[in-house]
Amino acid sequence: MAGFSGIDVSFCPRTPAVAVETVETETDAVAEDIEFLLSESSTNKGSKKLVKKSSSGASSVSSGIKLENISKSFKGVTVLKDVSWEVKKGEKVGLVGVNGAGKTTQLRIIAGLDEPDAGNLVKAKENMKISFLSQEFEVCLNRVLKEEFLSAFKEEMEISERLEKVQKAMYVKYEAEKRRRDGVRGSGIFEVKFAFEW
């Protein structure tokens, strides 16, 4: 992964046990890239820029996506420099790195939300749909990962909670009706008002 700009695509130890395939990285190259990013001046006039090409499905990627020598700068500060990596169909990877290393920038380029200054994004299929769960800084520390993930579906969670309350109320009513029925059972009167399954 030469030129992989300060980001480790690998298993994140804080996540629950999930099948994750790690992508090979060069630790020394990553450290050098981070050092280069931190020491580079805000003006980058003398740097060599690659010609930006728009490439979808035309390169050598049979499935998935491939970044080839992607570079991106914001206001003269280079965030990505010659980043190259590939994810094939079925692979599961994590994009891990320090703040400001360019993780979100890469995802935005892959999703088509940003254009690289140089390099190619190659998709196996031109009409491939790509999306990602963007970073959110407001994380509730007392929730487990599942609860945090489901919080993105707030409306659905509210509906689920209301349904749970209705189910509990129906059960209470069912139990009261059952007690009432049991009291009049000797008279031969029996009526089923509703059925409830747990």
C-alpha atoms as a PDB file:
ATOM      1  CA  MET A   1       0.000   0.000   0.000  1.00  0.00           C
ATOM      2  CA  ALA A   2       2.622   2.530  -0.918  1.00  0.00           C
ATOM      3  CA  GLY A   3       1.447   6.085  -0.557  1.00  0.00           C
ATOM      4  CA  PHE A   4      -1.370   5.212   1.822  1.00  0.00           C
ATOM      5  CA  SER A   5      -1.656   8.563   3.556  1.00  0.00           C
ATOM      6  CA  GLY A   6      -1.560   7.940   7.294  1.00  0.00           C
ATOM      7  CA  ILE A   7      -4.538   5.625   7.480  1.00  0.00           C
ATOM      8  CA  ASP A   8      -4.660   2.008   8.543  1.00  0.00           C
ATOM      9  CA  VAL A   9      -7.377  -0.035   6.883  1.00  0.00           C
ATOM     10  CA  SER A  10      -7.796  -2.755   9.486  1.00  0.00           C
ATOM     11  CA  PHE A  11      -9.811  -4.218  12.315  1.00  0.00           C
ATOM     12  CA  CYS A  12     -10.754  -1.689  14.988  1.00  0.00           C
ATOM     13  CA  PRO A  13     -10.319  -3.393  18.395  1.00  0.00           C
ATOM     14  CA  ARG A  14     -13.162  -1.380  19.995  1.00  0.00           C
ATOM     15  CA  THR A  15     -15.816  -2.856  17.734  1.00  0.00           C
ATOM     16  CA  PRO A  16     -17.617  -6.074  18.639  1.00  0.00           C
ATOM     17  CA  ALA A  17     -16.426  -9.331  17.115  1.00  0.00           C
ATOM     18  CA  VAL A  18     -17.191  -8.991  13.438  1.00  0.00           C
ATOM     19  CA  ALA A  19     -15.636 -10.787  10.504  1.00  0.00           C
ATOM     20  CA  VAL A  20     -13.086  -8.291   9.239  1.00  0.00           C
ATOM     21  CA  GLU A  21     -10.386  -8.859   6.695  1.00  0.00           C
ATOM     22  CA  THR A  22      -7.415  -6.579   7.175  1.00  0.00           C
ATOM     23  CA  VAL A  23      -5.764  -4.852   4.281  1.00  0.00           C
ATOM     24  CA  GLU A  24      -1.971  -4.922   4.337  1.00  0.00           C
ATOM     25  CA  THR A  25      -0.314  -1.638   5.332  1.00  0.00           C
ATOM     26  CA  GLU A  26       3.263  -0.444   5.585  1.00  0.00           C
ATOM     27  CA  THR A  27       3.726   0.978   9.084  1.00  0.00           C
ATOM     28  CA  ASP A  28       6.886   2.898   8.223  1.00  0.00           C
ATOM     29  CA  ALA A  29       5.276   4.460   5.146  1.00  0.00           C
ATOM     30  CA  VAL A  30       2.242   5.457   7.219  1.00  0.00           C
ATOM     31  CA  ALA A  31       4.434   7.131   9.843  1.00  0.00           C
ATOM     32  CA  GLU A  32       6.403   8.936   7.127  1.00  0.00           C
ATOM     33  CA  ASP A  33       3.197  10.095   5.463  1.00  0.00           C
ATOM     34  CA  ILE A  34       1.820  11.456   8.753  1.00  0.00           C
ATOM     35  CA  GLU A  35       5.106  13.243   9.406  1.00  0.00           C
ATOM     36  CA  PHE A  36       5.039  14.630   5.860  1.00  0.00           C
ATOM     37  CA  LEU A  37       1.450  15.864   6.289  1.00  0.00           C
ATOM     38  CA  LEU A  38       2.278  17.604   9.545  1.00  0.00           C
ATOM     39  CA  SER A  39       5.464  19.231   8.225  1.00  0.00           C
ATOM     40  CA  GLU A  40       4.185  20.296   4.785  1.00  0.00           C
ATOM     41  CA  SER A  41       3.740  24.043   4.326  1.00  0.00           C
ATOM     42  CA  SER A  42       0.313  25.466   3.530  1.00  0.00           C
ATOM     43  CA  THR A  43       1.483  26.556   0.079  1.00  0.00           C
ATOM     44  CA  ASN A  44       2.229  23.694  -2.215  1.00  0.00           C
ATOM     45  CA  LYS A  45       3.131  25.561  -5.421  1.00  0.00           C
ATOM     46  CA  GLY A  46       6.129  23.444  -6.384  1.00  0.00           C
ATOM     47  CA  SER A  47       4.437  20.086  -5.964  1.00  0.00           C
ATOM     48  CA  LYS A  48       3.809  17.856  -8.919  1.00  0.00           C
ATOM     49  CA  LYS A  49       0.107  17.237  -9.538  1.00  0.00           C
ATOM     50  CA  LEU A  50      -1.285  14.191 -11.241  1.00  0.00           C
ATOM     51  CA  VAL A  51      -3.775  14.607 -14.018  1.00  0.00           C
ATOM     52  CA  LYS A  52      -7.247  13.931 -12.696  1.00  0.00           C
ATOM     53  CA  LYS A  53      -9.089  11.251 -14.603  1.00  0.00           C
ATOM     54  CA  SER A  54     -12.658  10.157 -14.282  1.00  0.00           C
ATOM     55  CA  SER A  55     -12.698   6.396 -14.405  1.00  0.00           C
ATOM     56  CA  SER A  56     -15.616   4.099 -13.730  1.00  0.00           C
ATOM     57  CA  GLY A  57     -15.172   0.442 -14.532  1.00  0.00           C
ATOM     58  CA  ALA A  58     -12.446   1.071 -17.107  1.00  0.00           C
ATOM     59  CA  SER A  59      -9.462  -0.035 -15.027  1.00  0.00           C
ATOM     60  CA  SER A  60      -8.369  -3.381 -13.648  1.00  0.00           C
ATOM     61  CA  VAL A  61     -10.871  -3.918 -10.864  1.00  0.00           C
ATOM     62  CA  SER A  62     -13.107  -6.955 -11.255  1.00  0.00           C
ATOM     63  CA  SER A  63     -15.338  -6.177  -8.277  1.00  0.00           C
ATOM     64  CA  GLY A  64     -15.567  -3.477  -5.645  1.00  0.00           C
ATOM     65  CA  ILE A  65     -13.701  -0.171  -5.778  1.00  0.00           C
ATOM     66  CA  LYS A  66     -10.138   0.987  -6.193  1.00  0.00           C
ATOM     67  CA  LEU A  67      -8.427   4.273  -5.385  1.00  0.00           C
ATOM     68  CA  GLU A  68      -5.408   4.984  -7.570  1.00  0.00           C
ATOM     69  CA  ASN A  69      -2.986   7.742  -6.528  1.00  0.00           C
ATOM     70  CA  ILE A  70      -5.750   9.907  -5.043  1.00  0.00           C
ATOM     71  CA  SER A  71      -4.643  13.340  -3.853  1.00  0.00           C
ATOM     72  CA  LYS A  72      -6.764  16.037  -2.233  1.00  0.00           C
ATOM     73  CA  SER A  73      -5.984  19.418  -0.700  1.00  0.00           C
ATOM     74  CA  PHE A  74      -8.124  21.917   1.160  1.00  0.00           C
ATOM     75  CA  LYS A  75      -7.046  25.585   1.196  1.00  0.00           C
ATOM     76  CA  GLY A  76      -3.486  24.638   0.310  1.00  0.00           C
ATOM     77  CA  VAL A  77      -3.191  21.892   2.939  1.00  0.00           C
ATOM     78  CA  THR A  78      -2.660  18.430   1.474  1.00  0.00           C
ATOM     79  CA  VAL A  79      -4.954  15.918   3.147  1.00  0.00           C
ATOM     80  CA  LEU A  80      -4.395  12.965   0.803  1.00  0.00           C
ATOM     81  CA  LYS A  81      -1.291  12.334  -1.273  1.00  0.00           C
ATOM     82  CA  ASP A  82      -1.056   9.452  -3.748  1.00  0.00           C
ATOM     83  CA  VAL A  83      -3.462   7.230  -1.802  1.00  0.00           C
ATOM     84  CA  SER A  84      -3.990   3.836  -3.419  1.00  0.00           C
ATOM     85  CA  TRP A  85      -6.011   0.901  -2.130  1.00  0.00           C
ATOM     86  CA  GLU A  86      -8.712  -1.510  -3.211  1.00  0.00           C
ATOM     87  CA  VAL A  87     -11.690  -3.238  -1.644  1.00  0.00           C
ATOM     88  CA  LYS A  88     -13.064  -6.245  -3.488  1.00  0.00           C
ATOM     89  CA  LYS A  89     -16.586  -7.600  -3.324  1.00  0.00           C
ATOM     90  CA  GLY A  90     -17.199  -9.417  -0.044  1.00  0.00           C
ATOM     91  CA  GLU A  91     -14.259  -7.883   1.830  1.00  0.00           C
ATOM     92  CA  LYS A  92     -14.939  -6.109   5.093  1.00  0.00           C
ATOM     93  CA  VAL A  93     -12.487  -3.418   6.099  1.00  0.00           C
ATOM     94  CA  GLY A  94     -12.248  -0.599   8.590  1.00  0.00           C
ATOM     95  CA  LEU A  95     -10.772   2.770   7.716  1.00  0.00           C
ATOM     96  CA  VAL A  96      -8.789   3.778  10.804  1.00  0.00           C
ATOM     97  CA  GLY A  97      -6.483   6.730  11.387  1.00  0.00           C
ATOM     98  CA  VAL A  98      -5.748   9.813  13.458  1.00  0.00           C
ATOM     99  CA  ASN A  99      -7.982  12.879  13.273  1.00  0.00           C
ATOM    100  CA  GLY A 100      -7.338  14.799  10.079  1.00  0.00           C
ATOM    101  CA  ALA A 101      -5.671  11.892   8.275  1.00  0.00           C
ATOM    102  CA  GLY A 102      -8.277  11.914   5.500  1.00  0.00           C
ATOM    103  CA  LYS A 103     -10.616   9.029   6.343  1.00  0.00           C
ATOM    104  CA  THR A 104     -13.808  11.013   5.742  1.00  0.00           C
ATOM    105  CA  THR A 105     -12.305  12.705   2.689  1.00  0.00           C
ATOM    106  CA  GLN A 106     -11.641   9.307   1.123  1.00  0.00           C
ATOM    107  CA  LEU A 107     -15.189   8.151   1.854  1.00  0.00           C
ATOM    108  CA  ARG A 108     -16.626  11.374   0.416  1.00  0.00           C
ATOM    109  CA  ILE A 109     -14.569  10.863  -2.759  1.00  0.00           C
ATOM    110  CA  ILE A 110     -15.702   7.242  -3.018  1.00  0.00           C
ATOM    111  CA  ALA A 111     -19.354   8.260  -2.522  1.00  0.00           C
ATOM    112  CA  GLY A 112     -19.015  10.981  -5.169  1.00  0.00           C
ATOM    113  CA  LEU A 113     -19.553  13.857  -2.728  1.00  0.00           C
ATOM    114  CA  ASP A 114     -16.058  15.305  -3.348  1.00  0.00           C
ATOM    115  CA  GLU A 115     -13.742  15.219  -6.362  1.00  0.00           C
ATOM    116  CA  PRO A 116     -10.057  14.342  -5.948  1.00  0.00           C
ATOM    117  CA  ASP A 117      -7.455  16.873  -7.099  1.00  0.00           C
ATOM    118  CA  ALA A 118      -5.604  14.019  -8.800  1.00  0.00           C
ATOM    119  CA  GLY A 119      -5.838  10.280  -9.256  1.00  0.00           C
ATOM    120  CA  ASN A 120      -8.602   7.863 -10.132  1.00  0.00           C
ATOM    121  CA  LEU A 121     -11.557   6.287  -8.407  1.00  0.00           C
ATOM    122  CA  VAL A 122     -12.296   3.038 -10.206  1.00  0.00           C
ATOM    123  CA  LYS A 123     -15.604   1.247  -9.720  1.00  0.00           C
ATOM    124  CA  ALA A 124     -16.253  -2.270 -10.958  1.00  0.00           C
ATOM    125  CA  LYS A 125     -19.612  -1.097 -12.306  1.00  0.00           C
ATOM    126  CA  GLU A 126     -20.335   2.413 -13.531  1.00  0.00           C
ATOM    127  CA  ASN A 127     -23.774   2.483 -11.890  1.00  0.00           C
ATOM    128  CA  MET A 128     -22.496   1.146  -8.542  1.00  0.00           C
ATOM    129  CA  LYS A 129     -24.273   2.745  -5.583  1.00  0.00           C
ATOM    130  CA  ILE A 130     -21.988   3.677  -2.709  1.00  0.00           C
ATOM    131  CA  SER A 131     -22.995   5.105   0.644  1.00  0.00           C
ATOM    132  CA  PHE A 132     -21.496   5.383   4.100  1.00  0.00           C
ATOM    133  CA  LEU A 133     -22.514   6.219   7.638  1.00  0.00           C
ATOM    134  CA  SER A 134     -20.933   9.600   8.226  1.00  0.00           C
ATOM    135  CA  GLN A 135     -19.076  10.504  11.372  1.00  0.00           C
ATOM    136  CA  GLU A 136     -21.142  11.834  14.253  1.00  0.00           C
ATOM    137  CA  PHE A 137     -19.444  13.556  17.164  1.00  0.00           C
ATOM    138  CA  GLU A 138     -22.361  13.324  19.594  1.00  0.00           C
ATOM    139  CA  VAL A 139     -21.960   9.784  20.856  1.00  0.00           C
ATOM    140  CA  CYS A 140     -23.749   8.756  24.026  1.00  0.00           C
ATOM    141  CA  LEU A 141     -21.130   6.923  26.078  1.00  0.00           C
ATOM    142  CA  ASN A 142     -23.619   4.965  28.197  1.00  0.00           C
ATOM    143  CA  ARG A 143     -25.157   3.197  25.172  1.00  0.00           C
ATOM    144  CA  VAL A 144     -23.915  -0.017  23.626  1.00  0.00           C
ATOM    145  CA  LEU A 145     -23.001  -0.076  19.937  1.00  0.00           C
ATOM    146  CA  LYS A 146     -26.385  -1.501  18.895  1.00  0.00           C
ATOM    147  CA  GLU A 147     -28.261   1.288  20.719  1.00  0.00           C
ATOM    148  CA  GLU A 148     -25.969   3.935  19.232  1.00  0.00           C
ATOM    149  CA  PHE A 149     -26.495   2.562  15.735  1.00  0.00           C
ATOM    150  CA  LEU A 150     -30.269   2.347  16.192  1.00  0.00           C
ATOM    151  CA  SER A 151     -30.349   5.951  17.426  1.00  0.00           C
ATOM    152  CA  ALA A 152     -29.875   6.908  13.786  1.00  0.00           C
ATOM    153  CA  PHE A 153     -33.392   5.567  13.335  1.00  0.00           C
ATOM    154  CA  LYS A 154     -35.006   7.749  16.000  1.00  0.00           C
ATOM    155  CA  GLU A 155     -38.505   7.748  14.489  1.00  0.00           C
ATOM    156  CA  GLU A 156     -38.489   3.982  14.109  1.00  0.00           C
ATOM    157  CA  MET A 157     -37.306   3.647  17.716  1.00  0.00           C
ATOM    158  CA  GLU A 158     -40.160   5.881  18.931  1.00  0.00           C
ATOM    159  CA  ILE A 159     -42.672   3.760  17.021  1.00  0.00           C
ATOM    160  CA  SER A 160     -41.123   0.612  18.497  1.00  0.00           C
ATOM    161  CA  GLU A 161     -41.416   2.044  22.020  1.00  0.00           C
ATOM    162  CA  ARG A 162     -45.077   3.002  21.438  1.00  0.00           C
ATOM    163  CA  LEU A 163     -45.821  -0.495  20.119  1.00  0.00           C
ATOM    164  CA  GLU A 164     -44.218  -1.983  23.211  1.00  0.00           C
ATOM    165  CA  LYS A 165     -46.445   0.197  25.441  1.00  0.00           C
ATOM    166  CA  VAL A 166     -49.533  -0.874  23.478  1.00  0.00           C
ATOM    167  CA  GLN A 167     -48.529  -4.524  23.841  1.00  0.00           C
ATOM    168  CA  LYS A 168     -48.127  -4.122  27.604  1.00  0.00           C
ATOM    169  CA  ALA A 169     -51.492  -2.345  27.877  1.00  0.00           C
ATOM    170  CA  MET A 170     -53.166  -5.077  25.824  1.00  0.00           C
ATOM    171  CA  TYR A 171     -51.643  -7.722  28.066  1.00  0.00           C
ATOM    172  CA  VAL A 172     -52.908  -5.973  31.206  1.00  0.00           C
ATOM    173  CA  LYS A 173     -56.376  -5.724  29.646  1.00  0.00           C
ATOM    174  CA  TYR A 174     -56.200  -9.367  28.582  1.00  0.00           C
ATOM    175  CA  GLU A 175     -55.312 -10.473  32.117  1.00  0.00           C
ATOM    176  CA  ALA A 176     -58.164  -8.385  33.586  1.00  0.00           C
ATOM    177  CA  GLU A 177     -60.605  -9.825  31.052  1.00  0.00           C
ATOM    178  CA  LYS A 178     -59.346 -13.332  31.797  1.00  0.00           C
ATOM    179  CA  ARG A 179     -59.954 -12.840  35.521  1.00  0.00           C
ATOM    180  CA  ARG A 180     -63.450 -11.485  34.778  1.00  0.00           C
ATOM    181  CA  ARG A 181     -64.199 -14.446  32.485  1.00  0.00           C
ATOM    182  CA  ASP A 182     -62.977 -16.925  35.056  1.00  0.00           C
ATOM    183  CA  GLY A 183     -65.385 -15.355  37.546  1.00  0.00           C
ATOM    184  CA  VAL A 184     -68.407 -15.825  35.249  1.00  0.00           C
ATOM    185  CA  ARG A 185     -67.325 -19.113  33.714  1.00  0.00           C
ATOM    186  CA  GLY A 186     -69.782 -21.030  35.840  1.00  0.00           C
ATOM    187  CA  SER A 187     -72.662 -19.146  34.202  1.00  0.00           C
ATOM    188  CA  GLY A 188     -71.705 -20.459  30.762  1.00  0.00           C
ATOM    189  CA  ILE A 189     -70.895 -16.980  29.393  1.00  0.00           C
ATOM    190  CA  PHE A 190     -67.556 -16.860  27.558  1.00  0.00           C
ATOM    191  CA  GLU A 191     -66.414 -14.176  25.173  1.00  0.00           C
ATOM    192  CA  VAL A 192     -63.037 -13.689  23.505  1.00  0.00           C
ATOM    193  CA  LYS A 193     -62.377  -9.986  22.982  1.00  0.00           C
ATOM    194  CA  PHE A 194     -58.906 -10.314  21.446  1.00  0.00           C
ATOM    195  CA  ALA A 195     -56.045 -12.721  21.059  1.00  0.00           C
ATOM    196  CA  PHE A 196     -52.530 -11.784  22.029  1.00  0.00           C
ATOM    197  CA  GLU A 197     -49.365 -13.702  21.246  1.00  0.00           C
ATOM    198  CA  TRP A 198     -46.044 -13.203  23.046  1.00  0.00           C
END
